[in-house]
Protein backbone atom coordinates (compact mmCIF):
# COMPACT_ATOMS: atom_id res chain seq x y z
CA MET A 1 9.88 46.19 20.33
CA ALA A 2 10.03 47.75 16.89
CA ASN A 3 12.87 49.66 15.40
CA PRO A 4 11.41 53.20 15.16
CA LYS A 5 13.14 54.14 12.12
CA GLN A 6 12.22 50.63 10.18
CA LEU A 7 8.57 51.67 11.42
CA LYS A 8 8.88 55.18 10.13
CA TYR A 9 9.52 53.82 6.35
CA LEU A 10 6.64 51.19 6.85
CA LYS A 11 4.14 53.92 7.45
CA GLN A 12 4.81 55.79 4.13
CA GLY A 13 4.08 52.90 2.32
CA VAL A 14 5.07 49.49 0.73
CA LYS A 15 6.67 51.03 -2.04
CA VAL A 16 9.05 53.42 0.08
CA TRP A 17 9.28 51.00 2.53
CA ASN A 18 10.51 48.39 -0.41
CA LYS A 19 12.58 51.03 -2.12
CA TRP A 20 14.68 51.17 1.00
CA LEU A 21 14.83 47.57 1.99
CA ASN A 22 16.62 47.42 -1.83
CA ASP A 23 18.88 50.27 -0.50
CA ASN A 24 19.61 48.21 2.51
CA PRO A 25 19.82 44.71 1.60
CA ASN A 26 21.31 43.55 5.05
CA THR A 27 18.85 44.99 7.44
CA GLU A 28 17.63 43.19 9.96
CA ILE A 29 13.56 44.12 10.33
CA ASP A 30 12.05 44.53 13.51
CA LEU A 31 8.64 44.98 13.64
CA SER A 32 7.45 43.66 16.95
CA ASP A 33 4.76 44.53 19.43
CA THR A 34 3.38 47.37 17.50
CA ASP A 35 -0.15 48.11 15.73
CA LEU A 36 -0.36 47.70 12.43
CA SER A 37 -4.19 46.65 12.46
CA GLU A 38 -5.80 47.66 8.83
CA MET A 39 -2.65 48.89 7.03
CA ASP A 40 -2.16 48.18 3.17
CA LEU A 41 0.98 46.15 2.98
CA CYS A 42 0.26 44.55 -0.30
CA GLU A 43 3.28 42.70 -1.83
CA ALA A 44 5.42 44.20 1.03
CA ASN A 45 8.95 42.81 1.45
CA LEU A 46 8.91 41.59 4.91
CA ILE A 47 11.60 38.54 4.86
CA LYS A 48 12.83 37.07 7.83
CA ALA A 49 10.98 39.90 10.04
CA LYS A 50 10.31 40.19 13.47
CA LEU A 51 6.87 40.62 14.03
CA ASP A 52 6.13 38.71 17.36
CA ASN A 53 3.45 40.32 19.42
CA THR A 54 2.27 42.43 16.41
CA ASN A 55 -1.55 43.63 15.50
CA LEU A 56 -2.24 43.23 12.31
CA LYS A 57 -5.95 42.77 12.61
CA LYS A 58 -7.82 43.67 9.05
CA SER A 59 -4.25 44.88 7.51
CA LYS A 60 -3.55 43.83 3.63
CA LEU A 61 -0.88 41.23 2.90
CA LYS A 62 -1.49 40.09 -0.12
CA LEU A 63 1.44 38.36 -2.23
CA ALA A 64 3.52 39.81 0.69
CA ASP A 65 7.13 37.96 1.04
CA LEU A 66 7.17 37.07 4.82
CA ARG A 67 9.29 33.62 4.58
CA GLU A 68 10.95 32.64 7.39
CA ALA A 69 9.61 35.80 9.32
CA HIS A 70 8.56 35.47 13.27
CA LEU A 71 5.22 36.24 13.97
CA TYR A 72 4.23 34.77 17.04
CA ASN A 73 1.86 35.41 19.04
CA VAL A 74 0.50 37.92 15.81
CA ASP A 75 -3.00 38.78 15.54
CA LEU A 76 -3.90 38.66 11.53
CA SER A 77 -7.70 37.78 11.85
CA GLU A 78 -9.69 38.52 9.22
CA ALA A 79 -6.88 40.00 7.34
CA ASP A 80 -6.20 39.39 3.44
CA LEU A 81 -3.49 36.99 2.91
CA ARG A 82 -3.86 36.01 -0.09
CA GLU A 83 -1.46 34.63 -2.07
CA ILE A 84 1.23 35.31 0.48
CA TYR A 85 4.61 33.82 1.15
CA LEU A 86 5.27 32.64 4.42
CA TYR A 87 7.70 29.75 3.74
CA LYS A 88 8.95 28.09 7.16
CA ALA A 89 7.21 31.32 8.98
CA MET A 90 6.93 31.00 12.58
CA LEU A 91 3.26 31.16 13.41
CA SER A 92 2.91 29.53 16.26
CA SER A 93 -0.27 31.10 19.13
CA THR A 94 -0.75 33.17 16.04
CA ASN A 95 -4.78 34.20 15.50
CA LEU A 96 -5.65 33.62 12.16
CA SER A 97 -9.35 33.35 12.25
CA HIS A 98 -11.67 34.62 9.65
CA ALA A 99 -8.40 35.66 7.61
CA ASN A 100 -8.27 34.77 3.51
CA LEU A 101 -5.20 32.84 2.93
CA THR A 102 -6.53 31.53 -0.35
CA GLU A 103 -3.19 30.38 -2.32
CA ALA A 104 -1.09 31.30 0.76
CA ASN A 105 2.41 29.43 1.10
CA LEU A 106 2.88 27.82 4.16
CA VAL A 107 5.15 25.37 3.20
CA GLU A 108 7.29 24.00 6.61
CA ALA A 109 5.39 26.94 8.43
CA ASN A 110 5.37 26.78 12.21
CA LEU A 111 1.45 27.14 12.84
CA SER A 112 1.36 25.11 16.19
CA GLY A 113 -1.16 25.98 18.38
CA ALA A 114 -2.67 28.73 15.83
CA ASN A 115 -6.54 29.68 15.60
CA LEU A 116 -7.55 28.97 12.10
CA SER A 117 -11.22 28.75 13.09
CA TYR A 118 -12.86 29.79 9.79
CA ALA A 119 -10.31 30.72 8.04
CA GLU A 120 -10.09 30.49 3.93
CA LEU A 121 -7.01 28.04 3.16
CA LYS A 122 -8.52 27.24 -0.89
CA ASN A 123 -5.85 25.87 -2.63
CA ALA A 124 -3.21 27.04 0.14
CA ASN A 125 -0.03 25.11 0.28
CA LEU A 126 0.40 23.45 3.93
CA LYS A 127 3.23 21.14 2.56
CA ASN A 128 5.33 19.75 5.76
CA ALA A 129 3.11 22.60 7.98
CA SER A 130 2.93 22.02 11.85
CA LEU A 131 -0.30 22.39 12.42
CA ILE A 132 -0.03 20.89 16.21
CA ARG A 133 -3.12 21.97 18.65
CA ALA A 134 -3.77 24.29 16.03
CA SER A 135 -7.87 25.24 16.00
CA LEU A 136 -9.28 24.68 12.17
CA LYS A 137 -12.89 24.55 13.44
CA GLY A 138 -14.59 25.56 10.29
CA ALA A 139 -11.61 26.22 8.11
CA LYS A 140 -12.25 25.60 4.50
CA PHE A 141 -9.67 23.33 2.97
CA GLU A 142 -11.19 23.14 -0.78
CA GLY A 143 -7.93 22.09 -3.10
CA ALA A 144 -5.47 22.86 -0.20
CA MET A 145 -2.75 20.66 -0.23
CA LEU A 146 -1.54 19.34 3.68
CA LYS A 147 1.12 16.52 2.24
CA GLY A 148 3.20 15.70 5.41
CA ALA A 149 1.73 18.35 7.44
CA ASN A 150 1.83 17.69 11.34
CA LEU A 151 -1.88 17.80 12.85
CA GLU A 152 -0.86 15.81 16.29
CA GLY A 153 -2.82 16.59 18.95
CA GLU A 154 -5.62 18.06 16.40
CA GLU A 155 -9.35 18.87 17.99
CA ILE A 156 -11.41 18.85 14.40
CA VAL A 157 -14.55 17.27 16.16
CA GLY A 158 -17.04 17.82 13.62
CA ILE A 159 -15.39 19.01 10.81
CA ASP A 160 -17.27 18.76 7.45
CA PHE A 161 -14.77 19.23 4.53
CA SER A 162 -18.27 18.00 2.38
CA GLU A 163 -18.78 21.74 1.10
CA HIS A 164 -15.45 21.81 -0.52
CA ASN A 165 -14.19 19.77 -3.69
CA ILE A 166 -12.27 17.52 -1.32
CA ASN A 167 -10.92 15.26 -3.91
CA LYS A 168 -8.22 18.05 -4.68
CA VAL A 169 -7.87 17.93 -0.22
CA ASN A 170 -4.57 16.02 -0.40
CA PHE A 171 -3.57 14.78 3.41
CA ASN A 172 -1.59 12.36 2.13
CA GLY A 173 1.06 11.65 4.57
CA ALA A 174 0.01 14.30 7.52
CA LYS A 175 0.37 13.44 10.85
CA PHE A 176 -2.94 13.06 12.60
CA TYR A 177 -1.60 11.48 16.40
CA LYS A 178 -4.03 11.76 18.98
CA ALA A 179 -6.36 13.91 16.67
CA LYS A 180 -10.06 14.27 17.67
CA LEU A 181 -11.87 14.02 14.05
CA ASN A 182 -15.46 12.30 15.40
CA GLU A 183 -18.26 12.87 13.26
CA ALA A 184 -15.46 14.20 10.59
CA ASN A 185 -16.43 13.97 6.51
CA LEU A 186 -13.67 12.76 5.08
CA ARG A 187 -15.30 10.91 2.72
CA GLY A 188 -13.31 10.30 -0.50
CA PHE A 189 -10.50 12.15 0.96
CA ASN A 190 -6.54 10.80 0.01
CA LEU A 191 -5.00 10.29 3.81
CA SER A 192 -2.49 7.65 2.24
CA GLU A 193 0.27 7.33 4.45
CA THR A 194 -1.25 9.38 7.06
CA SER A 195 -0.10 8.92 11.08
CA LEU A 196 -3.28 8.70 13.04
CA GLU A 197 -2.39 6.89 15.61
CA GLU A 198 -4.37 7.11 18.88
CA ALA A 199 -6.72 9.02 16.44
CA SER A 200 -10.55 9.32 17.90
CA LEU A 201 -12.63 8.63 14.35
CA ALA A 202 -15.77 7.72 15.89
CA LYS A 203 -18.76 8.29 13.71
CA ALA A 204 -16.40 9.32 10.80
CA ASP A 205 -17.63 9.44 7.54
CA LEU A 206 -14.41 7.60 5.78
CA SER A 207 -16.14 6.11 3.24
CA LYS A 208 -14.34 5.69 -0.72
CA ALA A 209 -11.68 7.42 1.25
CA ASN A 210 -7.67 6.53 0.33
CA LEU A 211 -5.93 5.04 3.33
CA LEU A 212 -3.61 3.02 1.36
CA LEU A 213 -0.63 2.26 3.87
CA ALA A 214 -1.84 4.67 6.50
CA TYR A 215 -1.00 4.03 10.27
CA LEU A 216 -4.08 3.57 12.61
CA SER A 217 -2.45 1.77 15.80
CA LYS A 218 -5.16 2.05 18.79
CA ALA A 219 -7.18 4.52 16.92
CA ASP A 220 -11.14 4.37 17.94
CA LEU A 221 -13.19 3.89 14.56
CA SER A 222 -16.38 2.76 16.13
CA GLN A 223 -19.51 2.96 14.05
CA SER A 224 -17.48 4.94 11.73
CA ASN A 225 -18.20 4.57 7.64
CA LEU A 226 -15.12 2.94 5.74
CA SER A 227 -17.57 1.47 3.19
CA GLY A 228 -15.51 1.23 -0.23
CA THR A 229 -12.34 2.49 1.20
CA ASP A 230 -8.87 1.79 0.72
CA LEU A 231 -6.90 0.15 3.65
CA ARG A 232 -4.71 -1.99 1.59
CA ALA A 233 -1.54 -2.34 3.98
CA VAL A 234 -2.82 -0.22 6.32
CA TYR A 235 -1.54 -0.80 9.76
CA MET A 236 -4.31 -1.18 12.38
CA VAL A 237 -3.26 -3.01 15.44
CA ASP A 238 -5.31 -2.49 18.57
CA ALA A 239 -8.14 -0.58 16.93
CA ASN A 240 -11.20 -0.26 17.62
CA LEU A 241 -13.55 -0.93 14.82
CA SER A 242 -16.91 -1.80 16.46
CA ASP A 243 -19.98 -1.55 14.75
CA SER A 244 -17.96 0.12 12.06
CA ASP A 245 -19.03 -0.46 7.97
CA LEU A 246 -16.19 -1.93 6.05
CA SER A 247 -18.48 -3.01 3.33
CA ILE A 248 -16.22 -3.68 0.50
CA ALA A 249 -13.52 -2.01 1.54
CA ASP A 250 -10.12 -2.98 0.46
CA LEU A 251 -8.08 -4.60 3.30
CA ARG A 252 -5.58 -6.56 1.40
CA ALA A 253 -2.30 -6.96 3.06
CA ALA A 254 -3.77 -5.10 5.87
CA VAL A 255 -2.52 -5.56 9.78
CA LEU A 256 -5.36 -5.74 12.13
CA SER A 257 -3.73 -7.79 14.91
CA GLY A 258 -5.93 -7.41 17.81
CA SER A 259 -8.27 -4.97 16.67
CA ASN A 260 -12.01 -4.90 17.29
CA PHE A 261 -14.68 -5.74 14.75
CA LYS A 262 -17.39 -6.66 17.09
CA GLY A 263 -20.47 -6.26 15.16
CA ALA A 264 -18.63 -4.73 11.98
CA ASN A 265 -19.97 -5.14 8.46
CA LEU A 266 -17.67 -6.54 6.42
CA SER A 267 -19.61 -7.96 3.61
CA GLY A 268 -18.17 -7.74 0.49
CA ALA A 269 -14.64 -6.77 1.46
CA ASP A 270 -11.74 -7.79 0.14
CA LEU A 271 -9.25 -9.57 2.95
CA SER A 272 -7.07 -11.29 1.11
CA SER A 273 -3.23 -11.25 0.26
CA ILE A 274 -2.14 -8.79 -2.49
CA SER A 275 0.20 -9.91 -5.48
CA LYS A 276 3.95 -8.53 -5.21
CA SER A 277 3.56 -7.03 -8.43
CA GLU A 278 0.68 -4.59 -7.16
CA ALA A 279 2.51 -4.13 -4.11
CA ASN A 280 5.30 -3.04 -5.81
CA LYS A 281 3.21 -0.66 -7.79
CA SER A 282 1.39 0.88 -4.94
CA GLY A 283 4.69 1.37 -3.47
CA ILE A 284 3.63 -1.22 -0.26
CA ARG A 285 7.59 -2.33 0.60
CA ARG A 286 6.00 -4.51 3.84
CA GLY A 287 7.12 -8.22 3.28
CA VAL A 288 4.04 -9.75 4.67
CA LEU A 289 1.36 -9.19 2.06
CA TYR A 290 -1.51 -11.26 3.60
CA VAL A 291 -4.08 -9.73 6.03
CA ARG A 292 -3.33 -10.23 9.62
CA LEU A 293 -6.73 -10.32 11.91
CA ASP A 294 -4.82 -12.41 14.62
CA ASN A 295 -6.52 -12.15 18.02
CA ALA A 296 -9.20 -10.22 16.35
CA ASP A 297 -12.61 -9.59 18.26
CA LEU A 298 -15.24 -10.14 15.07
CA SER A 299 -18.23 -11.50 17.03
CA GLY A 300 -20.98 -10.69 15.59
CA ALA A 301 -19.79 -9.00 12.48
CA ASN A 302 -21.26 -9.68 9.14
CA LEU A 303 -18.04 -10.69 6.72
CA SER A 304 -20.74 -12.29 4.33
CA LYS A 305 -18.70 -12.74 0.88
CA ALA A 306 -15.63 -11.45 2.25
CA ASN A 307 -12.78 -12.81 0.95
CA LEU A 308 -10.12 -13.91 3.73
CA SER A 309 -7.94 -16.20 1.41
CA ASP A 310 -4.40 -16.77 3.04
CA ALA A 311 -5.56 -14.53 5.36
CA TYR A 312 -3.99 -15.55 9.30
CA LEU A 313 -6.63 -15.17 11.58
CA THR A 314 -5.00 -17.54 14.46
CA GLY A 315 -6.88 -16.86 17.96
CA ALA A 316 -9.26 -14.40 16.36
CA ASN A 317 -13.02 -14.45 17.51
CA LEU A 318 -15.72 -15.13 15.15
CA SER A 319 -17.77 -16.35 17.49
CA GLU A 320 -21.62 -15.55 15.97
CA ALA A 321 -20.33 -13.60 13.07
CA ASN A 322 -21.86 -14.01 9.75
CA LEU A 323 -19.73 -15.87 7.32
CA SER A 324 -21.71 -16.94 4.62
CA LYS A 325 -20.33 -17.15 1.16
CA VAL A 326 -16.62 -16.27 2.58
CA ASN A 327 -13.56 -17.59 1.24
CA PHE A 328 -11.09 -18.62 3.70
CA SER A 329 -9.01 -20.86 1.16
CA LYS A 330 -5.38 -21.21 2.05
CA ALA A 331 -6.23 -19.12 5.30
CA ASN A 332 -4.92 -19.77 8.48
CA LEU A 333 -7.72 -20.20 11.35
CA THR A 334 -5.36 -21.87 14.66
CA GLY A 335 -7.74 -21.81 17.66
CA ALA A 336 -10.26 -19.52 16.13
CA ASN A 337 -13.52 -19.20 17.53
CA LEU A 338 -16.06 -19.92 15.25
CA ARG A 339 -18.78 -20.89 17.66
CA ASN A 340 -22.38 -20.19 16.55
CA ALA A 341 -20.91 -18.57 13.34
CA ASN A 342 -22.73 -18.75 10.38
CA LEU A 343 -20.73 -20.74 7.29
CA SER A 344 -22.72 -21.69 5.08
CA ASP A 345 -20.99 -21.90 2.13
CA ALA A 346 -18.44 -20.78 3.05
CA ASN A 347 -14.80 -21.77 1.36
CA PHE A 348 -12.30 -23.66 3.83
CA CYS A 349 -10.41 -25.79 1.14
CA ASN A 350 -6.76 -26.11 2.16
CA ALA A 351 -7.19 -23.84 5.02
CA ASN A 352 -6.09 -24.63 8.49
CA LEU A 353 -8.06 -24.91 11.42
CA ARG A 354 -6.24 -26.60 14.31
CA ASN A 355 -7.60 -26.16 17.51
CA ALA A 356 -10.55 -24.21 15.99
CA ASP A 357 -13.81 -23.92 18.09
CA LEU A 358 -16.65 -24.71 15.56
CA ARG A 359 -19.75 -25.91 17.97
CA LYS A 360 -22.88 -24.87 17.26
CA ALA A 361 -21.57 -23.16 13.71
CA ASN A 362 -23.64 -23.97 10.40
CA LEU A 363 -22.16 -26.09 8.23
CA ASN A 364 -24.73 -26.17 5.50
CA ASN A 365 -22.53 -26.66 2.71
CA THR A 366 -19.46 -25.48 3.80
CA ASN A 367 -16.69 -26.55 1.88
CA PHE A 368 -13.67 -28.44 3.70
CA GLU A 369 -12.05 -30.09 0.85
CA ASN A 370 -8.11 -30.37 2.13
CA ALA A 371 -8.76 -28.21 5.53
CA ASN A 372 -6.95 -29.20 8.14
CA LEU A 373 -9.35 -30.02 11.14
CA THR A 374 -7.03 -31.40 13.09
CA ASP A 375 -8.02 -31.30 16.84
CA THR A 376 -11.09 -28.88 16.42
CA LYS A 377 -13.69 -28.45 18.55
CA ARG A 378 -17.38 -29.29 17.15
CA THR A 379 -20.65 -29.94 18.63
CA LYS A 380 -20.55 -34.13 19.52
CA LEU A 381 -20.87 -35.81 16.27
CA THR A 382 -23.81 -38.26 16.00
CA ASN A 383 -23.24 -41.83 15.99
CA CYS A 384 -21.98 -43.74 12.83
CA TYR A 385 -23.72 -47.11 13.36
CA ILE A 386 -22.47 -49.55 11.01
CA ALA A 387 -19.16 -48.08 11.00
CA THR A 388 -18.99 -48.27 14.80
CA ALA A 389 -20.11 -52.19 14.86
CA VAL A 390 -17.13 -53.01 12.38
CA TYR A 391 -14.74 -51.40 14.13
CA ASN A 392 -15.86 -51.76 17.86
CA ASP A 393 -15.09 -48.87 19.06
CA PRO A 394 -16.99 -45.58 18.74
CA ASP A 395 -13.37 -42.96 19.45
CA CYS A 396 -11.15 -44.84 16.99
CA SER A 397 -9.47 -42.93 13.92
CA GLU A 398 -11.51 -44.84 11.21
CA VAL A 399 -15.01 -43.70 12.85
CA ILE A 400 -14.17 -40.23 13.42
CA CYS A 401 -12.98 -39.94 9.60
CA PHE A 402 -16.33 -41.20 8.54
CA LYS A 403 -18.06 -39.01 11.29
CA ARG A 404 -16.32 -36.29 9.93
CA PHE A 405 -17.15 -37.52 6.27
CA ARG A 406 -20.55 -37.67 6.64
CA ASP A 407 -20.99 -33.92 8.63
CA PHE A 408 -18.13 -31.97 6.55
CA TYR A 409 -18.76 -33.19 2.97
CA LEU A 410 -21.68 -35.09 2.16
CA SER A 411 -23.98 -32.91 4.07
CA LYS A 412 -23.50 -30.37 1.60
CA TYR A 413 -25.26 -31.84 -1.31
CA LYS A 414 -28.73 -32.92 -2.00
CA LEU A 415 -27.71 -36.79 -2.86
CA GLY A 416 -25.51 -36.75 0.45
CA LYS A 417 -28.11 -35.22 2.54
CA PHE A 418 -30.66 -37.92 1.34
CA LEU A 419 -28.17 -40.94 1.38
CA ILE A 420 -27.67 -39.54 5.41
CA LYS A 421 -31.19 -39.81 5.76
CA LYS A 422 -31.71 -43.34 4.71
CA TYR A 423 -28.79 -44.30 6.66
CA TYR A 424 -29.85 -43.52 9.78
CA LYS A 425 -33.56 -45.16 8.90
CA TYR A 426 -31.98 -47.98 8.67
CA SER A 427 -28.44 -48.74 9.83
CA PRO A 428 -29.43 -48.84 13.84
CA ALA A 429 -31.36 -52.21 13.44
CA ILE A 430 -28.77 -53.19 10.57
CA ALA A 431 -26.01 -52.78 13.49
CA SER A 432 -27.96 -54.33 15.95
CA LYS A 433 -27.15 -57.57 14.12
CA MET A 434 -23.79 -57.31 13.26
CA ASN A 435 -22.50 -59.65 16.31
CA SER A 436 -20.40 -61.71 14.75
CA GLU A 437 -16.84 -60.63 14.84
CA LYS A 438 -15.52 -62.78 12.07
CA THR A 439 -18.50 -61.26 9.86
CA ASN A 440 -17.61 -57.67 10.91
CA THR A 441 -13.56 -58.53 10.29
CA LEU A 442 -14.64 -59.79 6.49
CA ILE A 443 -17.08 -56.71 5.96
CA ARG A 444 -14.22 -54.45 7.58
CA LYS A 445 -11.45 -55.62 5.29
CA ALA A 446 -13.50 -55.83 2.02
CA LEU A 447 -15.01 -52.71 2.53
CA PHE A 448 -14.11 -50.40 5.04
CA ASN A 449 -10.65 -50.32 4.83
CA PRO A 450 -10.60 -49.61 1.24
CA LEU A 451 -12.99 -46.91 1.68
CA TYR A 452 -11.59 -45.46 4.92
CA LYS A 453 -8.61 -44.93 2.62
CA ILE A 454 -10.34 -43.05 -0.13
CA VAL A 455 -12.20 -40.84 2.98
CA LYS A 456 -9.11 -40.00 4.15
CA SER A 457 -7.38 -38.50 1.34
CA THR A 458 -10.00 -35.46 1.77
CA VAL A 459 -10.39 -35.31 5.40
CA ARG A 460 -7.99 -34.92 7.88
């Protein structure tokens, strides 16, 4: 309950109140459970005051000092709180709807469960504030600082920050664990180092946002717009990115293991490794600087012209994906599923494709130079008539090597295609007449064995 003596001084005006407090510096202020609605308390000294359950609706508290004050379950709706000092204040379950908190200092304030719907927070400082389960519907954050703020469990369904100067809104390091941000407009936001674990961001607009080093494990980003977004070194394990737009996004050094990219657009995205110098400059301290997409589902995704050099794609599902002109140089695709994928003009130079499934893939002009193709599954290789006749075994290593050279190298070039076409026009007839073992041995030793040594150096 409010202290009657203190309440008496307060109702005489701020000047009288502040003077009395100045004369009684060690006084513990208790103004709880009282009605102070519409009262003018501008510049009032209420440091560490107990105001729990107090009615301050439509009150004027501009420039008031309420640092470390207790304001649990207080009604501050429609109050004028411009430039108020609420450092480390307890505001849990407080009603701040339609309140004006322009340039308010809310550093480390506890606003868990508070109602901030339609509040004005222009240029407010919410650094390290707790906004767990707070209601932010319609709140305005132009120029607000939310670095390190905790928005765990926040429900911000459909919130749109686009009307304000979003480039000045700073969510750096904020915590959005299990937050509901479906259809939120966060275009261009600074969300670097934020924690969005298990957050729901379906259909959200995050285009050109900064998500450097953000934590998005198990987050739902289905149908979201991440075009041109900075996702360097993001941790997005087991996330749902199905049908999302990641075109020209920067995903270097991202950890995307087990994530669902089914039907996603990653055209022009950069999924390559990052240099040590850039990593140090960007604050990336992680030891692994290449993209991890092991066991990720990229089936049907559009990755045309994407850069996946050095990427780790073991066990990834890339079936029916558009991988035209993708750079896979030095990538690890061990056991990856590339069945029915479009690999035309893709670069697999020095890539590891051991045990990968390439059946029915479009390999037009695909570069497999120095790639490891050991035990890859491919559409059954067509006969190599003359080589088979020379070695008398269609499945021997030499014949298999010539078939691979034909399908993965010669077929890329116009001249190669011309030679293959002529070869199959005349080779069956020639092979049918190669019945002399002695002649075949001479041809094998004089021509095919030396040729095999040359071809073997590029086909493994």
